[in-house]
C-alpha atoms as a PDB file:
ATOM      1  CA  MET A   1      11.349  24.406 -30.537  1.00  0.00           C
ATOM      2  CA  ARG A   2      13.305  22.852 -33.389  1.00  0.00           C
ATOM      3  CA  ILE A   3      16.702  24.239 -35.371  1.00  0.00           C
ATOM      4  CA  LEU A   4      15.783  24.333 -38.647  1.00  0.00           C
ATOM      5  CA  LEU A   5      19.706  23.905 -40.464  1.00  0.00           C
ATOM      6  CA  TRP A   6      18.791  25.068 -44.347  1.00  0.00           C
ATOM      7  CA  ASP A   7      20.850  24.257 -47.567  1.00  0.00           C
ATOM      8  CA  ILE A   8      20.759  26.744 -49.850  1.00  0.00           C
ATOM      9  CA  ASP A   9      21.395  25.478 -53.739  1.00  0.00           C
ATOM     10  CA  GLY A  10      18.347  24.197 -55.075  1.00  0.00           C
ATOM     11  CA  THR A  11      16.756  24.330 -51.615  1.00  0.00           C
ATOM     12  CA  LEU A  12      15.916  27.638 -50.811  1.00  0.00           C
ATOM     13  CA  ILE A  13      16.733  29.245 -54.068  1.00  0.00           C
ATOM     14  CA  LYS A  14      17.924  28.470 -57.966  1.00  0.00           C
ATOM     15  CA  THR A  15      20.356  31.257 -59.419  1.00  0.00           C
ATOM     16  CA  SER A  16      20.566  29.662 -63.115  1.00  0.00           C
ATOM     17  CA  GLY A  17      23.709  28.202 -62.141  1.00  0.00           C
ATOM     18  CA  ALA A  18      25.906  31.318 -60.778  1.00  0.00           C
ATOM     19  CA  GLY A  19      28.006  29.333 -58.681  1.00  0.00           C
ATOM     20  CA  LEU A  20      28.695  26.951 -62.114  1.00  0.00           C
ATOM     21  CA  ARG A  21      29.615  29.703 -64.031  1.00  0.00           C
ATOM     22  CA  ALA A  22      31.825  31.951 -61.592  1.00  0.00           C
ATOM     23  CA  MET A  23      34.012  28.480 -61.079  1.00  0.00           C
ATOM     24  CA  THR A  24      34.397  28.079 -64.565  1.00  0.00           C
ATOM     25  CA  ARG A  25      35.479  31.506 -65.385  1.00  0.00           C
ATOM     26  CA  ALA A  26      37.620  30.772 -61.708  1.00  0.00           C
ATOM     27  CA  VAL A  27      39.859  27.986 -63.385  1.00  0.00           C
ATOM     28  CA  ALA A  28      39.297  29.218 -66.808  1.00  0.00           C
ATOM     29  CA  GLN A  29      42.916  29.900 -67.211  1.00  0.00           C
ATOM     30  CA  ALA A  30      44.226  26.475 -66.276  1.00  0.00           C
ATOM     31  CA  PRO A  31      42.811  23.842 -68.763  1.00  0.00           C
ATOM     32  CA  ALA A  32      43.110  20.463 -66.126  1.00  0.00           C
ATOM     33  CA  ALA A  33      40.868  22.294 -63.660  1.00  0.00           C
ATOM     34  CA  PHE A  34      38.920  23.291 -66.670  1.00  0.00           C
ATOM     35  CA  GLU A  35      38.105  19.918 -67.690  1.00  0.00           C
ATOM     36  CA  ALA A  36      37.722  18.565 -64.497  1.00  0.00           C
ATOM     37  CA  LEU A  37      35.505  20.893 -63.383  1.00  0.00           C
ATOM     38  CA  LYS A  38      33.216  19.727 -65.964  1.00  0.00           C
ATOM     39  CA  GLY A  39      33.203  16.376 -65.297  1.00  0.00           C
ATOM     40  CA  MET A  40      32.267  16.964 -61.670  1.00  0.00           C
ATOM     41  CA  ARG A  41      28.844  16.689 -59.725  1.00  0.00           C
ATOM     42  CA  LEU A  42      28.123  19.624 -57.305  1.00  0.00           C
ATOM     43  CA  ASP A  43      25.070  19.216 -55.820  1.00  0.00           C
ATOM     44  CA  GLY A  44      25.977  18.898 -51.942  1.00  0.00           C
ATOM     45  CA  GLN A  45      29.426  19.609 -52.242  1.00  0.00           C
ATOM     46  CA  THR A  46      31.483  22.101 -49.923  1.00  0.00           C
ATOM     47  CA  ASP A  47      33.218  24.916 -51.669  1.00  0.00           C
ATOM     48  CA  TYR A  48      36.676  23.414 -50.125  1.00  0.00           C
ATOM     49  CA  LYS A  49      35.863  20.080 -51.778  1.00  0.00           C
ATOM     50  CA  ILE A  50      35.603  21.487 -55.201  1.00  0.00           C
ATOM     51  CA  ALA A  51      38.420  23.554 -54.398  1.00  0.00           C
ATOM     52  CA  ARG A  52      40.724  20.666 -53.537  1.00  0.00           C
ATOM     53  CA  ALA A  53      39.434  18.538 -56.381  1.00  0.00           C
ATOM     54  CA  LEU A  54      40.219  21.623 -58.918  1.00  0.00           C
ATOM     55  CA  CYS A  55      43.321  22.062 -57.119  1.00  0.00           C
ATOM     56  CA  ALA A  56      44.545  17.985 -57.368  1.00  0.00           C
ATOM     57  CA  ALA A  57      43.957  18.256 -61.349  1.00  0.00           C
ATOM     58  CA  ILE A  58      46.071  21.018 -61.675  1.00  0.00           C
ATOM     59  CA  ARG A  59      48.485  18.956 -59.994  1.00  0.00           C
ATOM     60  CA  HIS A  60      48.173  16.173 -61.099  1.00  0.00           C
ATOM     61  CA  ARG A  61      48.546  16.938 -65.128  1.00  0.00           C
ATOM     62  CA  GLU A  62      51.720  18.696 -63.803  1.00  0.00           C
ATOM     63  CA  ALA A  63      53.122  15.212 -62.517  1.00  0.00           C
ATOM     64  CA  PRO A  64      50.456  12.464 -63.712  1.00  0.00           C
ATOM     65  CA  HIS A  65      53.097   9.860 -62.683  1.00  0.00           C
ATOM     66  CA  HIS A  66      51.411  10.694 -59.081  1.00  0.00           C
ATOM     67  CA  PRO A  67      47.777   9.676 -58.535  1.00  0.00           C
ATOM     68  CA  LEU A  68      45.106  12.081 -58.503  1.00  0.00           C
ATOM     69  CA  GLU A  69      44.574  10.572 -54.948  1.00  0.00           C
ATOM     70  CA  HIS A  70      48.266  11.252 -53.696  1.00  0.00           C
ATOM     71  CA  HIS A  71      47.947  15.183 -55.241  1.00  0.00           C
ATOM     72  CA  ALA A  72      44.636  15.778 -53.442  1.00  0.00           C
ATOM     73  CA  SER A  73      45.956  14.926 -50.350  1.00  0.00           C
ATOM     74  CA  GLN A  74      48.636  17.269 -51.183  1.00  0.00           C
ATOM     75  CA  VAL A  75      47.150  20.469 -52.037  1.00  0.00           C
ATOM     76  CA  GLN A  76      47.617  22.505 -49.440  1.00  0.00           C
ATOM     77  CA  ARG A  77      44.241  25.670 -48.382  1.00  0.00           C
ATOM     78  CA  PRO A  78      46.251  28.599 -49.723  1.00  0.00           C
ATOM     79  CA  GLU A  79      45.890  27.040 -52.927  1.00  0.00           C
ATOM     80  CA  MET A  80      42.390  26.384 -52.496  1.00  0.00           C
ATOM     81  CA  ASP A  81      42.174  29.978 -50.547  1.00  0.00           C
ATOM     82  CA  ALA A  82      43.529  31.409 -54.088  1.00  0.00           C
ATOM     83  CA  VAL A  83      40.890  29.875 -56.328  1.00  0.00           C
ATOM     84  CA  LEU A  84      38.155  30.411 -53.928  1.00  0.00           C
ATOM     85  CA  GLU A  85      38.589  34.178 -53.456  1.00  0.00           C
ATOM     86  CA  GLN A  86      38.815  34.912 -57.495  1.00  0.00           C
ATOM     87  CA  TYR A  87      34.998  32.423 -57.740  1.00  0.00           C
ATOM     88  CA  LEU A  88      33.635  34.774 -55.261  1.00  0.00           C
ATOM     89  CA  LYS A  89      34.685  38.043 -56.958  1.00  0.00           C
ATOM     90  CA  LEU A  90      33.339  36.338 -59.869  1.00  0.00           C
ATOM     91  CA  LEU A  91      29.871  35.863 -58.000  1.00  0.00           C
ATOM     92  CA  GLU A  92      29.641  38.704 -56.590  1.00  0.00           C
ATOM     93  CA  ALA A  93      29.673  40.359 -60.348  1.00  0.00           C
ATOM     94  CA  ILE A  94      27.406  37.529 -61.850  1.00  0.00           C
ATOM     95  CA  LEU A  95      24.556  38.623 -59.276  1.00  0.00           C
ATOM     96  CA  GLU A  96      24.654  42.204 -59.386  1.00  0.00           C
ATOM     97  CA  THR A  97      22.418  41.178 -62.290  1.00  0.00           C
ATOM     98  CA  PRO A  98      20.657  38.454 -60.976  1.00  0.00           C
ATOM     99  CA  ASP A  99      18.978  36.627 -64.040  1.00  0.00           C
ATOM    100  CA  GLY A 100      16.949  33.321 -64.028  1.00  0.00           C
ATOM    101  CA  TYR A 101      17.859  33.694 -59.889  1.00  0.00           C
ATOM    102  CA  GLU A 102      14.682  32.016 -58.260  1.00  0.00           C
ATOM    103  CA  VAL A 103      13.475  32.594 -54.523  1.00  0.00           C
ATOM    104  CA  LEU A 104      11.915  28.413 -54.574  1.00  0.00           C
ATOM    105  CA  PRO A 105       8.290  28.643 -54.201  1.00  0.00           C
ATOM    106  CA  GLY A 106       6.649  28.370 -51.181  1.00  0.00           C
ATOM    107  CA  VAL A 107       9.984  29.638 -49.250  1.00  0.00           C
ATOM    108  CA  GLN A 108       8.866  32.977 -47.614  1.00  0.00           C
ATOM    109  CA  GLN A 109       5.738  31.663 -46.556  1.00  0.00           C
ATOM    110  CA  LEU A 110       7.485  28.532 -45.359  1.00  0.00           C
ATOM    111  CA  LEU A 111      10.138  30.293 -43.011  1.00  0.00           C
ATOM    112  CA  ASP A 112       6.697  33.345 -42.016  1.00  0.00           C
ATOM    113  CA  VAL A 113       4.984  29.938 -40.596  1.00  0.00           C
ATOM    114  CA  LEU A 114       8.184  27.749 -38.916  1.00  0.00           C
ATOM    115  CA  GLU A 115       9.164  31.052 -37.222  1.00  0.00           C
ATOM    116  CA  PRO A 116       6.737  31.038 -34.003  1.00  0.00           C
ATOM    117  CA  HIS A 117       8.344  27.382 -33.594  1.00  0.00           C
ATOM    118  CA  ALA A 118      11.372  27.262 -35.057  1.00  0.00           C
ATOM    119  CA  VAL A 119      15.042  28.582 -35.127  1.00  0.00           C
ATOM    120  CA  HIS A 120      16.402  29.083 -39.127  1.00  0.00           C
ATOM    121  CA  ALA A 121      19.590  28.950 -39.423  1.00  0.00           C
ATOM    122  CA  LEU A 122      21.586  27.549 -42.479  1.00  0.00           C
ATOM    123  CA  GLY A 123      23.760  24.376 -43.016  1.00  0.00           C
ATOM    124  CA  THR A 124      25.493  24.947 -46.217  1.00  0.00           C
ATOM    125  CA  GLY A 125      28.552  23.886 -48.633  1.00  0.00           C
ATOM    126  CA  ASN A 126      29.221  27.776 -49.644  1.00  0.00           C
ATOM    127  CA  LEU A 127      31.691  29.769 -48.279  1.00  0.00           C
ATOM    128  CA  GLU A 128      29.939  31.689 -45.349  1.00  0.00           C
ATOM    129  CA  ARG A 129      30.505  35.702 -48.020  1.00  0.00           C
ATOM    130  CA  GLY A 130      28.537  32.887 -50.665  1.00  0.00           C
ATOM    131  CA  ALA A 131      26.026  32.036 -49.093  1.00  0.00           C
ATOM    132  CA  ARG A 132      25.593  35.933 -48.231  1.00  0.00           C
ATOM    133  CA  LEU A 133      25.784  36.832 -51.942  1.00  0.00           C
ATOM    134  CA  LYS A 134      23.418  34.622 -53.140  1.00  0.00           C
ATOM    135  CA  LEU A 135      20.662  34.685 -50.344  1.00  0.00           C
ATOM    136  CA  THR A 136      21.207  38.718 -50.295  1.00  0.00           C
ATOM    137  CA  PRO A 137      19.264  39.337 -53.716  1.00  0.00           C
ATOM    138  CA  GLY A 138      16.244  37.082 -52.175  1.00  0.00           C
ATOM    139  CA  ALA A 139      15.783  39.291 -49.312  1.00  0.00           C
ATOM    140  CA  LEU A 140      16.993  36.190 -47.488  1.00  0.00           C
ATOM    141  CA  TRP A 141      20.411  36.768 -45.819  1.00  0.00           C
ATOM    142  CA  ALA A 142      18.667  38.431 -43.057  1.00  0.00           C
ATOM    143  CA  ARG A 143      16.394  35.206 -42.175  1.00  0.00           C
ATOM    144  CA  PHE A 144      18.846  33.286 -40.369  1.00  0.00           C
ATOM    145  CA  ARG A 145      20.244  33.531 -37.261  1.00  0.00           C
ATOM    146  CA  TYR A 146      23.945  31.513 -37.714  1.00  0.00           C
ATOM    147  CA  GLY A 147      24.508  28.621 -39.737  1.00  0.00           C
ATOM    148  CA  GLY A 148      27.577  25.850 -40.652  1.00  0.00           C
ATOM    149  CA  PHE A 149      29.324  27.241 -43.968  1.00  0.00           C
ATOM    150  CA  GLY A 150      31.581  25.933 -46.432  1.00  0.00           C
ATOM    151  CA  SER A 151      34.323  28.022 -45.112  1.00  0.00           C
ATOM    152  CA  ASP A 152      33.953  26.143 -41.441  1.00  0.00           C
ATOM    153  CA  ALA A 153      35.086  22.884 -42.677  1.00  0.00           C
ATOM    154  CA  GLU A 154      35.364  20.680 -45.606  1.00  0.00           C
ATOM    155  CA  ASP A 155      33.436  17.642 -45.423  1.00  0.00           C
ATOM    156  CA  ARG A 156      29.522  18.438 -44.897  1.00  0.00           C
ATOM    157  CA  ALA A 157      29.164  16.500 -41.757  1.00  0.00           C
ATOM    158  CA  ASP A 158      31.615  18.832 -40.314  1.00  0.00           C
ATOM    159  CA  VAL A 159      29.935  21.681 -41.430  1.00  0.00           C
ATOM    160  CA  LEU A 160      26.955  20.609 -39.672  1.00  0.00           C
ATOM    161  CA  ARG A 161      29.011  19.901 -36.605  1.00  0.00           C
ATOM    162  CA  ALA A 162      29.934  24.076 -37.028  1.00  0.00           C
ATOM    163  CA  ALA A 163      26.435  24.340 -36.736  1.00  0.00           C
ATOM    164  CA  TRP A 164      25.782  22.762 -33.667  1.00  0.00           C
ATOM    165  CA  ARG A 165      28.337  24.407 -31.925  1.00  0.00           C
ATOM    166  CA  LYS A 166      27.628  27.704 -33.091  1.00  0.00           C
ATOM    167  CA  ALA A 167      23.878  27.148 -31.843  1.00  0.00           C
ATOM    168  CA  GLN A 168      25.109  25.990 -28.588  1.00  0.00           C
ATOM    169  CA  ALA A 169      26.992  29.225 -28.031  1.00  0.00           C
ATOM    170  CA  HIS A 170      24.668  31.396 -29.523  1.00  0.00           C
ATOM    171  CA  HIS A 171      21.540  30.034 -27.455  1.00  0.00           C
ATOM    172  CA  GLY A 172      23.854  29.575 -24.015  1.00  0.00           C
ATOM    173  CA  ARG A 173      22.547  26.342 -23.497  1.00  0.00           C
ATOM    174  CA  THR A 174      23.783  22.747 -24.034  1.00  0.00           C
ATOM    175  CA  VAL A 175      21.620  21.285 -27.507  1.00  0.00           C
ATOM    176  CA  ALA A 176      20.877  18.329 -28.392  1.00  0.00           C
ATOM    177  CA  VAL A 177      21.048  16.609 -31.886  1.00  0.00           C
ATOM    178  CA  GLU A 178      17.319  15.634 -31.603  1.00  0.00           C
ATOM    179  CA  GLU A 179      16.624  19.535 -31.347  1.00  0.00           C
ATOM    180  CA  PHE A 180      17.601  19.750 -35.471  1.00  0.00           C
ATOM    181  CA  VAL A 181      15.967  19.067 -38.579  1.00  0.00           C
ATOM    182  CA  VAL A 182      18.441  19.386 -42.016  1.00  0.00           C
ATOM    183  CA  VAL A 183      16.193  20.835 -44.589  1.00  0.00           C
ATOM    184  CA  GLY A 184      17.992  20.040 -48.245  1.00  0.00           C
ATOM    185  CA  ASP A 185      17.811  18.185 -51.396  1.00  0.00           C
ATOM    186  CA  THR A 186      20.424  16.371 -52.641  1.00  0.00           C
ATOM    187  CA  PRO A 187      21.488  12.782 -50.884  1.00  0.00           C
ATOM    188  CA  ARG A 188      24.676  14.789 -49.553  1.00  0.00           C
ATOM    189  CA  ASP A 189      22.654  16.515 -47.312  1.00  0.00           C
ATOM    190  CA  VAL A 190      21.054  13.559 -46.180  1.00  0.00           C
ATOM    191  CA  ASP A 191      24.146  11.555 -45.662  1.00  0.00           C
ATOM    192  CA  ALA A 192      25.174  14.353 -43.649  1.00  0.00           C
ATOM    193  CA  ALA A 193      22.611  14.358 -41.132  1.00  0.00           C
ATOM    194  CA  HIS A 194      22.719  10.901 -40.739  1.00  0.00           C
ATOM    195  CA  ALA A 195      26.596  11.316 -39.749  1.00  0.00           C
ATOM    196  CA  VAL A 196      25.767  13.017 -36.884  1.00  0.00           C
ATOM    197  CA  GLY A 197      22.264  12.288 -36.086  1.00  0.00           C
ATOM    198  CA  MET A 198      20.390  14.473 -37.725  1.00  0.00           C
ATOM    199  CA  ALA A 199      16.936  14.329 -38.935  1.00  0.00           C
ATOM    200  CA  CYS A 200      16.779  15.502 -43.147  1.00  0.00           C
ATOM    201  CA  VAL A 201      13.676  16.297 -44.538  1.00  0.00           C
ATOM    202  CA  ALA A 202      14.655  16.402 -48.344  1.00  0.00           C
ATOM    203  CA  VAL A 203      13.083  18.683 -51.268  1.00  0.00           C
ATOM    204  CA  ALA A 204      12.663  17.352 -54.574  1.00  0.00           C
ATOM    205  CA  THR A 205      13.533  20.939 -55.622  1.00  0.00           C
ATOM    206  CA  GLY A 206      16.894  20.231 -57.345  1.00  0.00           C
ATOM    207  CA  ARG A 207      18.191  17.054 -59.365  1.00  0.00           C
ATOM    208  CA  TYR A 208      16.895  14.706 -57.014  1.00  0.00           C
ATOM    209  CA  THR A 209      13.344  13.117 -57.502  1.00  0.00           C
ATOM    210  CA  VAL A 210      11.319  12.096 -54.309  1.00  0.00           C
ATOM    211  CA  ALA A 211      11.713   8.660 -55.331  1.00  0.00           C
ATOM    212  CA  ASP A 212      15.762   9.294 -55.575  1.00  0.00           C
ATOM    213  CA  LEU A 213      15.647  11.038 -52.327  1.00  0.00           C
ATOM    214  CA  THR A 214      13.388   8.682 -50.106  1.00  0.00           C
ATOM    215  CA  ALA A 215      15.457   5.152 -51.533  1.00  0.00           C
ATOM    216  CA  HIS A 216      18.567   7.519 -50.290  1.00  0.00           C
ATOM    217  CA  GLY A 217      16.180   8.053 -46.909  1.00  0.00           C
ATOM    218  CA  ALA A 218      15.665  10.644 -45.970  1.00  0.00           C
ATOM    219  CA  ASP A 219      13.436  11.128 -43.207  1.00  0.00           C
ATOM    220  CA  ASP A 220      10.974  12.697 -45.105  1.00  0.00           C
ATOM    221  CA  VAL A 221      10.558  13.555 -48.207  1.00  0.00           C
ATOM    222  CA  LEU A 222       8.775  16.851 -49.154  1.00  0.00           C
ATOM    223  CA  ASP A 223       7.879  17.594 -53.720  1.00  0.00           C
ATOM    224  CA  SER A 224       8.631  21.446 -52.057  1.00  0.00           C
ATOM    225  CA  LEU A 225       8.532  23.680 -49.837  1.00  0.00           C
ATOM    226  CA  ALA A 226       5.162  24.803 -50.665  1.00  0.00           C
ATOM    227  CA  HIS A 227       3.148  21.691 -49.993  1.00  0.00           C
ATOM    228  CA  PRO A 228       0.634  22.649 -47.916  1.00  0.00           C
ATOM    229  CA  ASP A 229       2.111  19.977 -44.684  1.00  0.00           C
ATOM    230  CA  ALA A 230       5.704  21.013 -45.334  1.00  0.00           C
ATOM    231  CA  ALA A 231       5.477  23.164 -42.036  1.00  0.00           C
ATOM    232  CA  PRO A 232       4.414  20.587 -39.935  1.00  0.00           C
ATOM    233  CA  ARG A 233       6.104  18.138 -41.560  1.00  0.00           C
ATOM    234  CA  ILE A 234       9.482  19.646 -40.774  1.00  0.00           C
ATOM    235  CA  LEU A 235       8.676  20.376 -36.876  1.00  0.00           C
ATOM    236  CA  ARG A 236       8.004  16.532 -36.783  1.00  0.00           C
ATOM    237  CA  ALA A 237      11.046  15.223 -38.507  1.00  0.00           C
ATOM    238  CA  ARG A 238      12.593  12.725 -36.622  1.00  0.00           C
ATOM    239  CA  ARG A 239      16.153  10.331 -37.395  1.00  0.00           C
ATOM    240  CA  THR A 240      14.674   7.101 -38.618  1.00  0.00           C
END
């Protein structure tokens, strides 16, 4: 029995940029954060890491004599929470009419096929509430027993460690790192999994190609979760 930690955006679903649109509107009245967001690569980031960068940009505009890294280190949790609360309200409103929302090919069928052999859980940079908002339109939220979320930790590897702790609490036993497989679509998913010692199967359904993800060191790479051998390859994945 493997424990599969699934990423959300670009792996299970596409939301036609709902998250980016919500975050953009959340900081629309803060020019420094708005400009910073336009230059950020959000793939595989945690929501708190994004919020920290945006809050740091606001501080830097007000006190440019300090480097941006200094401001980032000084950002407090309430500042990030204020940005993220507004983001979640906007995300919920956008997803009420989820134009362009898509459950990616093969996802539902693959979850069904894997069900007797694996535990489905989440390993995502989304806040837990954001994950629920994004997965509910595709009838996916109920498929996952627990998860590590961006609300558990700011660092992506620590999100996976949170999922590991929850797995042990859920199953009432010690869970070995070798039991986990992370499934995601970005190099950050690969890096986080390997930092914790977990295997990572990457899927090239986001921004990155099979070649990109292979070169980055994923333990296996699928072009799509609709690949005919996706289930056995995920189940037998090992940290290389």
